[in-house]
Protein backbone atom coordinates (compact mmCIF):
# COMPACT_ATOMS: atom_id res chain seq x y z
CA MET A 1 5.98 -18.68 -6.93
CA LYS A 2 6.48 -15.07 -5.95
CA TRP A 3 2.94 -13.82 -6.59
CA TYR A 4 3.48 -10.51 -4.82
CA GLU A 5 6.32 -9.54 -7.17
CA LEU A 6 4.31 -10.58 -10.24
CA VAL A 7 1.33 -8.50 -9.09
CA LYS A 8 3.69 -5.58 -8.44
CA ILE A 9 4.60 -5.65 -12.16
CA VAL A 10 0.93 -5.10 -13.02
CA HIS A 11 0.88 -2.30 -10.43
CA PHE A 12 3.85 -0.60 -12.13
CA LEU A 13 2.21 -0.99 -15.55
CA GLY A 14 -0.90 0.74 -14.21
CA LEU A 15 1.26 3.54 -12.81
CA ILE A 16 3.03 3.91 -16.16
CA ALA A 17 -0.35 4.24 -17.93
CA VAL A 18 -1.67 6.90 -15.52
CA ILE A 19 1.59 8.87 -15.46
CA GLY A 20 1.81 8.49 -19.26
CA PHE A 21 -1.58 10.18 -19.60
CA PHE A 22 -0.38 13.14 -17.54
CA VAL A 23 2.89 13.36 -19.49
CA ILE A 24 1.03 13.43 -22.80
CA TYR A 25 -1.48 16.00 -21.53
CA SER A 26 1.23 18.23 -20.06
CA ARG A 27 3.26 18.12 -23.31
CA ALA A 28 0.38 18.40 -25.81
CA GLY A 29 -1.60 20.96 -23.78
CA PRO A 30 0.77 23.90 -24.36
CA LYS A 31 0.93 23.04 -28.08
CA LEU A 32 -2.86 23.02 -28.26
CA ARG A 33 -3.15 26.30 -26.35
CA ALA A 34 -0.56 27.87 -28.70
CA ALA A 35 -2.20 26.57 -31.90
CA THR A 36 -2.98 29.33 -34.39
CA ASP A 37 -5.08 27.44 -36.93
CA LEU A 38 -7.76 24.77 -36.84
CA SER A 39 -5.63 22.08 -38.44
CA GLU A 40 -3.09 22.43 -35.58
CA VAL A 41 -5.89 22.35 -33.01
CA LYS A 42 -7.28 19.14 -34.51
CA VAL A 43 -3.86 17.46 -34.48
CA TRP A 44 -3.31 18.20 -30.79
CA LEU A 45 -6.88 17.26 -29.92
CA GLY A 46 -6.20 13.93 -31.62
CA VAL A 47 -3.14 13.40 -29.43
CA LEU A 48 -5.19 14.15 -26.30
CA GLU A 49 -7.96 11.82 -27.49
CA LEU A 50 -5.46 8.98 -27.90
CA SER A 51 -4.34 9.37 -24.28
CA ARG A 52 -7.85 9.31 -22.77
CA PRO A 53 -8.13 5.51 -22.20
CA MET A 54 -4.83 5.47 -20.30
CA VAL A 55 -6.32 6.60 -16.97
CA PRO A 56 -9.22 4.13 -16.78
CA GLY A 57 -7.00 1.27 -17.93
CA GLY A 58 -4.19 2.22 -15.58
CA ALA A 59 -6.60 2.81 -12.70
CA VAL A 60 -8.13 -0.65 -13.09
CA MET A 61 -4.65 -2.22 -13.11
CA LEU A 62 -3.58 -0.15 -10.08
CA LEU A 63 -6.72 -0.87 -8.10
CA ALA A 64 -6.82 -4.61 -8.83
CA SER A 65 -3.10 -5.11 -8.22
CA GLY A 66 -3.12 -2.83 -5.16
CA LEU A 67 -5.96 -4.77 -3.57
CA THR A 68 -4.21 -8.04 -4.37
CA MET A 69 -0.89 -6.88 -2.88
CA ALA A 70 -2.69 -5.58 0.21
CA TRP A 71 -4.38 -8.96 0.61
CA ILE A 72 -1.11 -10.88 0.13
CA ARG A 73 1.17 -8.83 2.37
CA TRP A 74 -0.28 -5.64 3.85
CA ARG A 75 -3.38 -6.61 5.80
CA GLY A 76 -4.33 -3.70 8.00
CA PRO A 77 -5.25 -0.03 7.87
CA TYR A 78 -2.04 1.32 6.34
CA ALA A 79 -2.06 4.96 5.25
CA PHE A 80 -0.28 4.34 1.97
CA ILE A 81 -2.96 1.83 0.94
CA GLY A 82 -5.99 3.87 2.03
CA VAL A 83 -4.73 7.23 0.80
CA GLY A 84 -3.44 5.68 -2.41
CA MET A 85 -6.75 4.01 -3.26
CA VAL A 86 -8.88 7.02 -2.37
CA THR A 87 -6.62 9.32 -4.40
CA LEU A 88 -6.68 6.89 -7.33
CA ILE A 89 -10.48 6.85 -7.37
CA ILE A 90 -10.63 10.66 -7.13
CA VAL A 91 -8.10 11.00 -9.97
CA TRP A 92 -10.02 8.50 -12.11
CA VAL A 93 -13.38 10.25 -11.58
CA LEU A 94 -12.06 13.80 -12.01
CA VAL A 95 -10.02 12.97 -15.11
CA ALA A 96 -13.11 11.37 -16.66
CA ARG A 97 -15.30 14.33 -15.75
CA THR A 98 -12.88 17.23 -16.24
CA ALA A 99 -10.65 16.10 -19.08
CA GLY A 100 -13.49 14.23 -20.77
CA ALA A 101 -15.88 17.19 -20.70
CA HIS A 102 -13.17 19.65 -21.73
CA LEU A 103 -12.00 17.44 -24.58
CA ARG A 104 -15.58 16.99 -25.82
CA ALA A 105 -16.16 20.77 -25.69
CA MET A 106 -12.92 21.48 -27.57
CA LYS A 107 -13.68 18.81 -30.20
CA ALA A 108 -17.22 20.13 -30.70
CA GLY A 109 -15.89 23.66 -31.10
CA ALA A 110 -13.24 22.52 -33.57
CA MET A 111 -15.69 20.46 -35.63
CA ASN A 112 -18.17 23.36 -35.79
CA SER A 113 -15.44 25.74 -36.98
CA GLY A 114 -14.66 24.17 -40.34
CA ASP A 115 -11.64 22.36 -41.68
CA SER A 116 -9.06 25.11 -41.72
CA GLY A 117 -8.45 28.75 -40.95
CA SER A 118 -7.73 30.63 -37.78
CA VAL A 119 -9.05 29.49 -34.42
CA PRO A 120 -12.35 31.25 -33.64
CA ALA A 121 -12.52 33.30 -30.44
CA GLN A 122 -15.15 31.02 -28.89
CA LEU A 123 -12.99 27.94 -29.44
CA SER A 124 -9.95 29.77 -28.05
CA ARG A 125 -11.90 30.56 -24.88
CA VAL A 126 -12.76 26.87 -24.47
CA ILE A 127 -9.17 25.77 -25.12
CA LEU A 128 -7.75 28.40 -22.76
CA ALA A 129 -10.18 27.72 -19.90
CA THR A 130 -8.14 27.66 -16.71
CA ARG A 131 -10.13 25.24 -14.58
CA PRO A 132 -9.75 22.02 -16.64
CA TRP A 133 -6.02 22.47 -17.11
CA SER A 134 -5.32 23.43 -13.50
CA THR A 135 -7.42 20.48 -12.30
CA LEU A 136 -5.33 18.14 -14.43
CA PHE A 137 -2.12 19.62 -13.05
CA ALA A 138 -3.47 19.13 -9.51
CA LEU A 139 -4.35 15.50 -10.28
CA ASN A 140 -0.94 14.96 -11.86
CA LEU A 141 0.83 16.07 -8.70
CA ALA A 142 -1.64 14.15 -6.52
CA THR A 143 -0.59 11.03 -8.44
CA LEU A 144 3.05 11.93 -7.85
CA GLY A 145 2.15 12.39 -4.19
CA VAL A 146 0.79 8.86 -4.02
CA LEU A 147 4.08 7.59 -5.39
CA VAL A 148 5.90 9.51 -2.64
CA VAL A 149 3.50 8.19 0.03
CA MET A 150 3.84 4.60 -1.17
CA THR A 151 7.62 4.78 -1.35
CA LEU A 152 8.10 6.40 2.07
CA LYS A 153 5.18 4.60 3.77
CA LEU A 154 4.13 7.84 5.48
CA SER A 155 1.73 8.09 8.42
CA TRP A 156 -1.91 9.04 7.83
CA VAL A 157 -1.23 12.73 8.55
CA GLY A 158 1.90 12.78 6.40
CA ALA A 159 0.20 10.93 3.56
CA ILE A 160 -2.86 13.17 3.46
CA ALA A 161 -0.75 16.33 3.84
CA THR A 162 1.54 15.24 0.99
CA ILE A 163 -1.39 14.68 -1.37
CA LEU A 164 -3.11 17.96 -0.42
CA VAL A 165 0.05 20.09 -0.65
CA LEU A 166 1.10 18.63 -3.99
CA SER A 167 -2.45 18.93 -5.38
CA ALA A 168 -2.61 22.60 -4.37
CA LEU A 169 0.81 23.20 -5.89
CA GLY A 170 -0.30 21.51 -9.10
CA ALA A 171 -3.47 23.60 -9.33
CA PHE A 172 -1.47 26.79 -8.73
CA VAL A 173 1.20 25.96 -11.32
CA GLY A 174 -1.39 24.79 -13.84
CA ALA A 175 -3.42 27.99 -13.48
CA ARG A 176 -0.29 30.14 -13.91
CA LEU A 177 0.77 28.25 -17.03
CA VAL A 178 -2.64 28.64 -18.63
CA GLU A 179 -2.75 32.33 -17.71
CA SER A 180 0.66 32.73 -19.36
CA ASP A 181 -0.59 30.95 -22.48
CA ARG A 182 -3.72 33.15 -22.49
CA ALA A 183 -1.56 36.29 -22.26
CA LYS A 184 0.56 35.10 -25.20
CA HIS A 185 -2.63 34.36 -27.16
CA THR A 186 -4.02 37.83 -26.42
CA ALA A 187 -0.74 39.48 -27.45
CA ARG A 188 -0.64 37.44 -30.66
CA SER A 189 -4.26 38.35 -31.44
CA SER A 190 -3.53 42.05 -30.84
CA ASP A 191 -0.51 41.91 -33.18
CA GLN A 192 -2.64 40.40 -35.95
CA GLN A 193 -5.19 43.21 -35.81
């Protein structure tokens, strides 16, 4: 039986779950940041809440299958294995801490603001906080970087450089997108006054 290929299927399923989380967050995030009333905010927060278990579930599948594939075929200190596993653990921890804390803060702000009406300024500040969103963009591109590293089987230097460069690019792009959304929000608020 071709165990390696069967385990690789689990590995791909884990990748789909982790990438799926980032796709949902990157698509729902702008909608949440553009929301003008509490009912919209709560809908998009619900979408983000549904995606939260995707990273831990995907990370467990990736880690277990990655270790199994390394044991079956790739015994040795290969960069794509080491960098991939370290990046996966960092992504898992930072998504749990950053996205989890940000989601809890946004949900608490939404629940304390009533059932409907415009989004209070305090809740808007929480939603439009740059750091959580830019961190998620950085982690998204770090995950993409691992896919590049695993596909190309880069050296240690190339693997680490790929992850760092893509993470920095993700953080930069994420911060610019949130700043753009904040500027639109400020302009919209000024027009309403």
